[in-house]
Amino acid sequence: MARLALLLAIASAALGCNKPSEDDCKVALTNMRRLMGTDNSLDQSSNAGDVRRCKGGSTKTAVACAAKAQTLDELRACDFMKVPSKASDPGPGSAK
């Protein structure tokens, strides 16, 4: 019985290891907003909820991918949060 409890504890710890850090989520969310063109228009008070959602529902791999994405298509391929399919891709450095 003790072995089973130890095995379950190790397995649950291993499953929790694939969760991103708060800082990684902030970087990915900032990049996502930049790519979507909403980085200046979004109320910063909603940021905390997005970070919690990212930490609880995203993998480290998806967050790292979203942080590195350079286009909306790359971001969509990351399976990170929900990126609208109709958002236009302004590209890096372009102003509208």
PDB file of N, CA and C in Angstrom:
ATOM      1  N   MET A   1       0.824  -1.191   0.000  1.00  0.00           N
ATOM      2  CA  MET A   1       0.000   0.000   0.000  1.00  0.00           C
ATOM      3  C   MET A   1       0.869   1.256   0.000  1.00  0.00           C
ATOM      4  N   ALA A   2       1.957   1.219   0.750  1.00  0.00           N
ATOM      5  CA  ALA A   2       2.855   2.373   0.795  1.00  0.00           C
ATOM      6  C   ALA A   2       3.501   2.608  -0.563  1.00  0.00           C
ATOM      7  N   ARG A   3       3.794   1.530  -1.278  1.00  0.00           N
ATOM      8  CA  ARG A   3       4.391   1.674  -2.615  1.00  0.00           C
ATOM      9  C   ARG A   3       3.408   2.351  -3.576  1.00  0.00           C
ATOM     10  N   LEU A   4       2.150   1.987  -3.462  1.00  0.00           N
ATOM     11  CA  LEU A   4       1.131   2.584  -4.318  1.00  0.00           C
ATOM     12  C   LEU A   4       1.005   4.081  -4.038  1.00  0.00           C
ATOM     13  N   ALA A   5       1.009   4.453  -2.778  1.00  0.00           N
ATOM     14  CA  ALA A   5       0.922   5.863  -2.411  1.00  0.00           C
ATOM     15  C   ALA A   5       2.135   6.631  -2.923  1.00  0.00           C
ATOM     16  N   LEU A   6       3.312   6.040  -2.813  1.00  0.00           N
ATOM     17  CA  LEU A   6       4.531   6.678  -3.303  1.00  0.00           C
ATOM     18  C   LEU A   6       4.485   6.821  -4.821  1.00  0.00           C
ATOM     19  N   LEU A   7       4.018   5.788  -5.495  1.00  0.00           N
ATOM     20  CA  LEU A   7       3.902   5.829  -6.951  1.00  0.00           C
ATOM     21  C   LEU A   7       2.928   6.915  -7.398  1.00  0.00           C
ATOM     22  N   LEU A   8       1.801   7.022  -6.713  1.00  0.00           N
ATOM     23  CA  LEU A   8       0.819   8.058  -7.036  1.00  0.00           C
ATOM     24  C   LEU A   8       1.382   9.457  -6.785  1.00  0.00           C
ATOM     25  N   ALA A   9       2.137   9.623  -5.714  1.00  0.00           N
ATOM     26  CA  ALA A   9       2.741  10.925  -5.414  1.00  0.00           C
ATOM     27  C   ALA A   9       3.755  11.317  -6.482  1.00  0.00           C
ATOM     28  N   ILE A  10       4.554  10.371  -6.928  1.00  0.00           N
ATOM     29  CA  ILE A  10       5.545  10.637  -7.971  1.00  0.00           C
ATOM     30  C   ILE A  10       4.852  10.952  -9.292  1.00  0.00           C
ATOM     31  N   ALA A  11       3.814  10.202  -9.611  1.00  0.00           N
ATOM     32  CA  ALA A  11       3.090  10.426 -10.868  1.00  0.00           C
ATOM     33  C   ALA A  11       2.416  11.787 -10.880  1.00  0.00           C
ATOM     34  N   SER A  12       1.814  12.188  -9.779  1.00  0.00           N
ATOM     35  CA  SER A  12       1.147  13.493  -9.750  1.00  0.00           C
ATOM     36  C   SER A  12       2.159  14.629  -9.797  1.00  0.00           C
ATOM     37  N   ALA A  13       3.326  14.451  -9.199  1.00  0.00           N
ATOM     38  CA  ALA A  13       4.376  15.462  -9.278  1.00  0.00           C
ATOM     39  C   ALA A  13       4.899  15.581 -10.700  1.00  0.00           C
ATOM     40  N   ALA A  14       5.027  14.462 -11.374  1.00  0.00           N
ATOM     41  CA  ALA A  14       5.513  14.473 -12.753  1.00  0.00           C
ATOM     42  C   ALA A  14       4.516  15.159 -13.678  1.00  0.00           C
ATOM     43  N   LEU A  15       3.233  14.967 -13.453  1.00  0.00           N
ATOM     44  CA  LEU A  15       2.222  15.615 -14.284  1.00  0.00           C
ATOM     45  C   LEU A  15       2.239  17.128 -14.092  1.00  0.00           C
ATOM     46  N   GLY A  16       2.499  17.593 -12.911  1.00  0.00           N
ATOM     47  CA  GLY A  16       2.554  19.023 -12.621  1.00  0.00           C
ATOM     48  C   GLY A  16       3.785  19.694 -13.180  1.00  0.00           C
ATOM     49  N   CYS A  17       4.767  18.933 -13.601  1.00  0.00           N
ATOM     50  CA  CYS A  17       6.011  19.496 -14.105  1.00  0.00           C
ATOM     51  C   CYS A  17       5.870  20.088 -15.496  1.00  0.00           C
ATOM     52  N   ASN A  18       4.781  19.821 -16.183  1.00  0.00           N
ATOM     53  CA  ASN A  18       4.607  20.337 -17.531  1.00  0.00           C
ATOM     54  C   ASN A  18       3.832  21.644 -17.548  1.00  0.00           C
ATOM     55  N   LYS A  19       3.653  22.265 -16.398  1.00  0.00           N
ATOM     56  CA  LYS A  19       2.931  23.530 -16.321  1.00  0.00           C
ATOM     57  C   LYS A  19       3.919  24.696 -16.423  1.00  0.00           C
ATOM     58  N   PRO A  20       3.544  25.734 -17.166  1.00  0.00           N
ATOM     59  CA  PRO A  20       4.436  26.888 -17.348  1.00  0.00           C
ATOM     60  C   PRO A  20       4.483  27.771 -16.109  1.00  0.00           C
ATOM     61  N   SER A  21       5.530  28.566 -16.018  1.00  0.00           N
ATOM     62  CA  SER A  21       5.663  29.508 -14.908  1.00  0.00           C
ATOM     63  C   SER A  21       4.847  30.767 -15.207  1.00  0.00           C
ATOM     64  N   GLU A  22       4.632  31.572 -14.189  1.00  0.00           N
ATOM     65  CA  GLU A  22       3.906  32.828 -14.362  1.00  0.00           C
ATOM     66  C   GLU A  22       4.643  33.752 -15.337  1.00  0.00           C
ATOM     67  N   ASP A  23       5.958  33.842 -15.197  1.00  0.00           N
ATOM     68  CA  ASP A  23       6.742  34.705 -16.084  1.00  0.00           C
ATOM     69  C   ASP A  23       6.677  34.239 -17.538  1.00  0.00           C
ATOM     70  N   ASP A  24       6.748  32.923 -17.754  1.00  0.00           N
ATOM     71  CA  ASP A  24       6.643  32.396 -19.120  1.00  0.00           C
ATOM     72  C   ASP A  24       5.281  32.720 -19.721  1.00  0.00           C
ATOM     73  N   CYS A  25       4.230  32.612 -18.913  1.00  0.00           N
ATOM     74  CA  CYS A  25       2.887  32.943 -19.393  1.00  0.00           C
ATOM     75  C   CYS A  25       2.785  34.422 -19.749  1.00  0.00           C
ATOM     76  N   LYS A  26       3.372  35.284 -18.939  1.00  0.00           N
ATOM     77  CA  LYS A  26       3.324  36.721 -19.230  1.00  0.00           C
ATOM     78  C   LYS A  26       4.017  37.041 -20.546  1.00  0.00           C
ATOM     79  N   VAL A  27       5.151  36.406 -20.802  1.00  0.00           N
ATOM     80  CA  VAL A  27       5.872  36.628 -22.060  1.00  0.00           C
ATOM     81  C   VAL A  27       5.030  36.158 -23.239  1.00  0.00           C
ATOM     82  N   ALA A  28       4.443  34.979 -23.128  1.00  0.00           N
ATOM     83  CA  ALA A  28       3.632  34.437 -24.217  1.00  0.00           C
ATOM     84  C   ALA A  28       2.388  35.288 -24.456  1.00  0.00           C
ATOM     85  N   LEU A  29       1.741  35.729 -23.384  1.00  0.00           N
ATOM     86  CA  LEU A  29       0.548  36.562 -23.524  1.00  0.00           C
ATOM     87  C   LEU A  29       0.881  37.912 -24.149  1.00  0.00           C
ATOM     88  N   THR A  30       1.994  38.488 -23.752  1.00  0.00           N
ATOM     89  CA  THR A  30       2.424  39.766 -24.337  1.00  0.00           C
ATOM     90  C   THR A  30       2.682  39.612 -25.825  1.00  0.00           C
ATOM     91  N   ASN A  31       3.335  38.521 -26.216  1.00  0.00           N
ATOM     92  CA  ASN A  31       3.603  38.278 -27.637  1.00  0.00           C
ATOM     93  C   ASN A  31       2.306  38.026 -28.393  1.00  0.00           C
ATOM     94  N   MET A  32       1.389  37.271 -27.800  1.00  0.00           N
ATOM     95  CA  MET A  32       0.105  36.997 -28.446  1.00  0.00           C
ATOM     96  C   MET A  32      -0.642  38.305 -28.695  1.00  0.00           C
ATOM     97  N   ARG A  33      -0.676  39.173 -27.705  1.00  0.00           N
ATOM     98  CA  ARG A  33      -1.380  40.454 -27.849  1.00  0.00           C
ATOM     99  C   ARG A  33      -0.705  41.340 -28.891  1.00  0.00           C
ATOM    100  N   ARG A  34       0.611  41.295 -28.958  1.00  0.00           N
ATOM    101  CA  ARG A  34       1.340  42.074 -29.959  1.00  0.00           C
ATOM    102  C   ARG A  34       0.978  41.586 -31.359  1.00  0.00           C
ATOM    103  N   LEU A  35       0.963  40.284 -31.535  1.00  0.00           N
ATOM    104  CA  LEU A  35       0.647  39.718 -32.845  1.00  0.00           C
ATOM    105  C   LEU A  35      -0.797  40.000 -33.256  1.00  0.00           C
ATOM    106  N   MET A  36      -1.694  40.052 -32.278  1.00  0.00           N
ATOM    107  CA  MET A  36      -3.095  40.298 -32.578  1.00  0.00           C
ATOM    108  C   MET A  36      -3.399  41.793 -32.684  1.00  0.00           C
ATOM    109  N   GLY A  37      -2.434  42.623 -32.322  1.00  0.00           N
ATOM    110  CA  GLY A  37      -2.641  44.067 -32.392  1.00  0.00           C
ATOM    111  C   GLY A  37      -3.468  44.622 -31.256  1.00  0.00           C
ATOM    112  N   THR A  38      -3.545  43.894 -30.137  1.00  0.00           N
ATOM    113  CA  THR A  38      -4.345  44.346 -28.996  1.00  0.00           C
ATOM    114  C   THR A  38      -3.482  44.714 -27.801  1.00  0.00           C
ATOM    115  N   ASP A  39      -2.183  44.832 -27.998  1.00  0.00           N
ATOM    116  CA  ASP A  39      -1.293  45.086 -26.871  1.00  0.00           C
ATOM    117  C   ASP A  39      -1.503  46.449 -26.236  1.00  0.00           C
ATOM    118  N   ASN A  40      -1.963  47.440 -26.972  1.00  0.00           N
ATOM    119  CA  ASN A  40      -2.171  48.777 -26.406  1.00  0.00           C
ATOM    120  C   ASN A  40      -3.594  49.024 -25.962  1.00  0.00           C
ATOM    121  N   SER A  41      -4.531  48.242 -26.442  1.00  0.00           N
ATOM    122  CA  SER A  41      -5.933  48.507 -26.159  1.00  0.00           C
ATOM    123  C   SER A  41      -6.499  47.671 -25.017  1.00  0.00           C
ATOM    124  N   LEU A  42      -5.752  46.719 -24.509  1.00  0.00           N
ATOM    125  CA  LEU A  42      -6.284  45.809 -23.500  1.00  0.00           C
ATOM    126  C   LEU A  42      -6.067  46.356 -22.095  1.00  0.00           C
ATOM    127  N   ASP A  43      -7.092  46.274 -21.292  1.00  0.00           N
ATOM    128  CA  ASP A  43      -7.019  46.673 -19.891  1.00  0.00           C
ATOM    129  C   ASP A  43      -6.100  45.704 -19.153  1.00  0.00           C
ATOM    130  N   GLN A  44      -5.104  46.243 -18.481  1.00  0.00           N
ATOM    131  CA  GLN A  44      -4.124  45.403 -17.798  1.00  0.00           C
ATOM    132  C   GLN A  44      -4.712  44.631 -16.624  1.00  0.00           C
ATOM    133  N   SER A  45      -5.891  45.021 -16.120  1.00  0.00           N
ATOM    134  CA  SER A  45      -6.484  44.304 -14.991  1.00  0.00           C
ATOM    135  C   SER A  45      -6.917  42.888 -15.384  1.00  0.00           C
ATOM    136  N   SER A  46      -7.163  42.654 -16.663  1.00  0.00           N
ATOM    137  CA  SER A  46      -7.550  41.315 -17.097  1.00  0.00           C
ATOM    138  C   SER A  46      -6.343  40.399 -17.244  1.00  0.00           C
ATOM    139  N   ASN A  47      -5.150  40.948 -17.144  1.00  0.00           N
ATOM    140  CA  ASN A  47      -3.922  40.179 -17.315  1.00  0.00           C
ATOM    141  C   ASN A  47      -3.794  39.064 -16.279  1.00  0.00           C
ATOM    142  N   ALA A  48      -4.160  39.328 -15.037  1.00  0.00           N
ATOM    143  CA  ALA A  48      -4.010  38.326 -13.973  1.00  0.00           C
ATOM    144  C   ALA A  48      -4.858  37.088 -14.267  1.00  0.00           C
ATOM    145  N   GLY A  49      -6.071  37.275 -14.753  1.00  0.00           N
ATOM    146  CA  GLY A  49      -6.923  36.145 -15.095  1.00  0.00           C
ATOM    147  C   GLY A  49      -6.366  35.335 -16.251  1.00  0.00           C
ATOM    148  N   ASP A  50      -5.808  36.040 -17.239  1.00  0.00           N
ATOM    149  CA  ASP A  50      -5.209  35.344 -18.375  1.00  0.00           C
ATOM    150  C   ASP A  50      -3.983  34.546 -17.949  1.00  0.00           C
ATOM    151  N   VAL A  51      -3.196  35.096 -17.033  1.00  0.00           N
ATOM    152  CA  VAL A  51      -2.015  34.383 -16.542  1.00  0.00           C
ATOM    153  C   VAL A  51      -2.438  33.127 -15.784  1.00  0.00           C
ATOM    154  N   ARG A  52      -3.465  33.234 -14.953  1.00  0.00           N
ATOM    155  CA  ARG A  52      -3.964  32.053 -14.225  1.00  0.00           C
ATOM    156  C   ARG A  52      -4.464  30.992 -15.194  1.00  0.00           C
ATOM    157  N   ARG A  53      -5.203  31.423 -16.215  1.00  0.00           N
ATOM    158  CA  ARG A  53      -5.716  30.480 -17.205  1.00  0.00           C
ATOM    159  C   ARG A  53      -4.569  29.815 -17.953  1.00  0.00           C
ATOM    160  N   CYS A  54      -3.544  30.581 -18.278  1.00  0.00           N
ATOM    161  CA  CYS A  54      -2.372  30.044 -18.970  1.00  0.00           C
ATOM    162  C   CYS A  54      -1.657  29.007 -18.103  1.00  0.00           C
ATOM    163  N   LYS A  55      -1.424  29.357 -16.841  1.00  0.00           N
ATOM    164  CA  LYS A  55      -0.710  28.442 -15.945  1.00  0.00           C
ATOM    165  C   LYS A  55      -1.479  27.145 -15.725  1.00  0.00           C
ATOM    166  N   GLY A  56      -2.791  27.231 -15.638  1.00  0.00           N
ATOM    167  CA  GLY A  56      -3.590  26.048 -15.355  1.00  0.00           C
ATOM    168  C   GLY A  56      -3.944  25.218 -16.576  1.00  0.00           C
ATOM    169  N   GLY A  57      -4.009  25.851 -17.744  1.00  0.00           N
ATOM    170  CA  GLY A  57      -4.506  25.135 -18.897  1.00  0.00           C
ATOM    171  C   GLY A  57      -3.546  24.991 -20.063  1.00  0.00           C
ATOM    172  N   SER A  58      -2.314  25.425 -19.897  1.00  0.00           N
ATOM    173  CA  SER A  58      -1.340  25.345 -20.991  1.00  0.00           C
ATOM    174  C   SER A  58      -0.150  24.483 -20.599  1.00  0.00           C
ATOM    175  N   THR A  59       0.516  23.969 -21.605  1.00  0.00           N
ATOM    176  CA  THR A  59       1.744  23.216 -21.358  1.00  0.00           C
ATOM    177  C   THR A  59       2.944  24.131 -21.554  1.00  0.00           C
ATOM    178  N   LYS A  60       4.078  23.720 -21.009  1.00  0.00           N
ATOM    179  CA  LYS A  60       5.311  24.485 -21.203  1.00  0.00           C
ATOM    180  C   LYS A  60       5.639  24.617 -22.683  1.00  0.00           C
ATOM    181  N   THR A  61       5.403  23.553 -23.435  1.00  0.00           N
ATOM    182  CA  THR A  61       5.707  23.549 -24.864  1.00  0.00           C
ATOM    183  C   THR A  61       4.858  24.573 -25.607  1.00  0.00           C
ATOM    184  N   ALA A  62       3.560  24.625 -25.319  1.00  0.00           N
ATOM    185  CA  ALA A  62       2.664  25.564 -25.990  1.00  0.00           C
ATOM    186  C   ALA A  62       3.021  27.003 -25.643  1.00  0.00           C
ATOM    187  N   VAL A  63       3.371  27.249 -24.387  1.00  0.00           N
ATOM    188  CA  VAL A  63       3.724  28.599 -23.950  1.00  0.00           C
ATOM    189  C   VAL A  63       5.041  29.040 -24.586  1.00  0.00           C
ATOM    190  N   ALA A  64       6.018  28.162 -24.633  1.00  0.00           N
ATOM    191  CA  ALA A  64       7.298  28.499 -25.273  1.00  0.00           C
ATOM    192  C   ALA A  64       7.091  28.779 -26.758  1.00  0.00           C
ATOM    193  N   CYS A  65       6.245  27.996 -27.400  1.00  0.00           N
ATOM    194  CA  CYS A  65       5.931  28.192 -28.813  1.00  0.00           C
ATOM    195  C   CYS A  65       5.268  29.555 -29.023  1.00  0.00           C
ATOM    196  N   ALA A  66       4.303  29.897 -28.183  1.00  0.00           N
ATOM    197  CA  ALA A  66       3.589  31.173 -28.304  1.00  0.00           C
ATOM    198  C   ALA A  66       4.516  32.357 -28.055  1.00  0.00           C
ATOM    199  N   ALA A  67       5.466  32.188 -27.172  1.00  0.00           N
ATOM    200  CA  ALA A  67       6.403  33.271 -26.893  1.00  0.00           C
ATOM    201  C   ALA A  67       7.332  33.530 -28.083  1.00  0.00           C
ATOM    202  N   LYS A  68       7.627  32.491 -28.862  1.00  0.00           N
ATOM    203  CA  LYS A  68       8.538  32.614 -30.001  1.00  0.00           C
ATOM    204  C   LYS A  68       7.840  32.931 -31.318  1.00  0.00           C
ATOM    205  N   ALA A  69       6.511  32.803 -31.366  1.00  0.00           N
ATOM    206  CA  ALA A  69       5.768  32.984 -32.612  1.00  0.00           C
ATOM    207  C   ALA A  69       6.006  34.378 -33.195  1.00  0.00           C
ATOM    208  N   GLN A  70       6.169  34.434 -34.508  1.00  0.00           N
ATOM    209  CA  GLN A  70       6.384  35.699 -35.198  1.00  0.00           C
ATOM    210  C   GLN A  70       5.182  36.117 -36.042  1.00  0.00           C
ATOM    211  N   THR A  71       4.268  35.195 -36.285  1.00  0.00           N
ATOM    212  CA  THR A  71       3.062  35.477 -37.055  1.00  0.00           C
ATOM    213  C   THR A  71       1.858  34.840 -36.360  1.00  0.00           C
ATOM    214  N   LEU A  72       0.662  35.271 -36.758  1.00  0.00           N
ATOM    215  CA  LEU A  72      -0.542  34.670 -36.190  1.00  0.00           C
ATOM    216  C   LEU A  72      -0.665  33.205 -36.566  1.00  0.00           C
ATOM    217  N   ASP A  73      -0.244  32.845 -37.765  1.00  0.00           N
ATOM    218  CA  ASP A  73      -0.294  31.432 -38.154  1.00  0.00           C
ATOM    219  C   ASP A  73       0.607  30.585 -37.265  1.00  0.00           C
ATOM    220  N   GLU A  74       1.789  31.082 -36.953  1.00  0.00           N
ATOM    221  CA  GLU A  74       2.685  30.363 -36.034  1.00  0.00           C
ATOM    222  C   GLU A  74       2.048  30.264 -34.657  1.00  0.00           C
ATOM    223  N   LEU A  75       1.402  31.342 -34.211  1.00  0.00           N
ATOM    224  CA  LEU A  75       0.750  31.340 -32.905  1.00  0.00           C
ATOM    225  C   LEU A  75      -0.392  30.331 -32.863  1.00  0.00           C
ATOM    226  N   ARG A  76      -1.194  30.286 -33.906  1.00  0.00           N
ATOM    227  CA  ARG A  76      -2.293  29.314 -33.964  1.00  0.00           C
ATOM    228  C   ARG A  76      -1.772  27.883 -33.905  1.00  0.00           C
ATOM    229  N   ALA A  77      -0.634  27.628 -34.515  1.00  0.00           N
ATOM    230  CA  ALA A  77      -0.059  26.283 -34.530  1.00  0.00           C
ATOM    231  C   ALA A  77       0.423  25.845 -33.145  1.00  0.00           C
ATOM    232  N   CYS A  78       0.575  26.786 -32.234  1.00  0.00           N
ATOM    233  CA  CYS A  78       1.082  26.476 -30.890  1.00  0.00           C
ATOM    234  C   CYS A  78       0.035  25.837 -29.986  1.00  0.00           C
ATOM    235  N   ASP A  79      -1.239  25.934 -30.335  1.00  0.00           N
ATOM    236  CA  ASP A  79      -2.308  25.445 -29.479  1.00  0.00           C
ATOM    237  C   ASP A  79      -2.273  26.151 -28.124  1.00  0.00           C
ATOM    238  N   PHE A  80      -2.117  27.469 -28.187  1.00  0.00           N
ATOM    239  CA  PHE A  80      -2.033  28.310 -26.989  1.00  0.00           C
ATOM    240  C   PHE A  80      -3.240  29.223 -26.944  1.00  0.00           C
ATOM    241  N   MET A  81      -4.004  29.142 -25.872  1.00  0.00           N
ATOM    242  CA  MET A  81      -5.198  29.954 -25.688  1.00  0.00           C
ATOM    243  C   MET A  81      -6.101  29.827 -26.920  1.00  0.00           C
ATOM    244  N   LYS A  82      -6.892  30.822 -27.196  1.00  0.00           N
ATOM    245  CA  LYS A  82      -7.798  30.813 -28.353  1.00  0.00           C
ATOM    246  C   LYS A  82      -7.477  32.036 -29.200  1.00  0.00           C
ATOM    247  N   VAL A  83      -6.926  31.812 -30.371  1.00  0.00           N
ATOM    248  CA  VAL A  83      -6.586  32.893 -31.283  1.00  0.00           C
ATOM    249  C   VAL A  83      -7.676  32.953 -32.344  1.00  0.00           C
ATOM    250  N   PRO A  84      -8.360  34.089 -32.456  1.00  0.00           N
ATOM    251  CA  PRO A  84      -9.423  34.196 -33.460  1.00  0.00           C
ATOM    252  C   PRO A  84      -8.898  33.946 -34.871  1.00  0.00           C
ATOM    253  N   SER A  85      -9.667  33.254 -35.662  1.00  0.00           N
ATOM    254  CA  SER A  85      -9.228  32.945 -37.022  1.00  0.00           C
ATOM    255  C   SER A  85      -9.331  34.149 -37.946  1.00  0.00           C
ATOM    256  N   LYS A  86     -10.117  35.164 -37.575  1.00  0.00           N
ATOM    257  CA  LYS A  86     -10.292  36.320 -38.434  1.00  0.00           C
ATOM    258  C   LYS A  86      -9.354  37.467 -38.083  1.00  0.00           C
ATOM    259  N   ALA A  87      -8.513  37.327 -37.098  1.00  0.00           N
ATOM    260  CA  ALA A  87      -7.585  38.404 -36.751  1.00  0.00           C
ATOM    261  C   ALA A  87      -6.584  38.573 -37.884  1.00  0.00           C
ATOM    262  N   SER A  88      -6.362  39.800 -38.260  1.00  0.00           N
ATOM    263  CA  SER A  88      -5.408  40.050 -39.345  1.00  0.00           C
ATOM    264  C   SER A  88      -4.000  40.014 -38.787  1.00  0.00           C
ATOM    265  N   ASP A  89      -3.065  39.658 -39.618  1.00  0.00           N
ATOM    266  CA  ASP A  89      -1.672  39.551 -39.224  1.00  0.00           C
ATOM    267  C   ASP A  89      -0.949  40.817 -39.641  1.00  0.00           C
ATOM    268  N   PRO A  90      -0.757  41.780 -38.712  1.00  0.00           N
ATOM    269  CA  PRO A  90      -0.114  43.030 -39.085  1.00  0.00           C
ATOM    270  C   PRO A  90       1.379  42.871 -39.380  1.00  0.00           C
ATOM    271  N   GLY A  91       1.957  41.770 -38.944  1.00  0.00           N
ATOM    272  CA  GLY A  91       3.393  41.567 -39.164  1.00  0.00           C
ATOM    273  C   GLY A  91       4.205  42.382 -38.191  1.00  0.00           C
ATOM    274  N   PRO A  92       5.454  41.998 -37.999  1.00  0.00           N
ATOM    275  CA  PRO A  92       6.287  42.711 -37.041  1.00  0.00           C
ATOM    276  C   PRO A  92       6.578  44.139 -37.499  1.00  0.00           C
ATOM    277  N   GLY A  93       6.386  45.077 -36.586  1.00  0.00           N
ATOM    278  CA  GLY A  93       6.778  46.458 -36.828  1.00  0.00           C
ATOM    279  C   GLY A  93       5.831  47.263 -37.698  1.00  0.00           C
ATOM    280  N   SER A  94       4.740  46.686 -38.153  1.00  0.00           N
ATOM    281  CA  SER A  94       3.843  47.465 -39.001  1.00  0.00           C
ATOM    282  C   SER A  94       2.847  48.210 -38.142  1.00  0.00           C
ATOM    283  N   ALA A  95       2.480  49.367 -38.581  1.00  0.00           N
ATOM    284  CA  ALA A  95       1.510  50.188 -37.847  1.00  0.00           C
ATOM    285  C   ALA A  95       0.244  50.299 -38.673  1.00  0.00           C
ATOM    286  N   LYS A  96      -0.869  50.379 -37.971  1.00  0.00           N
ATOM    287  CA  LYS A  96      -2.151  50.536 -38.665  1.00  0.00           C
ATOM    288  C   LYS A  96      -2.788  51.813 -38.267  1.00  0.00           C
TER     289      LYS A  96
END
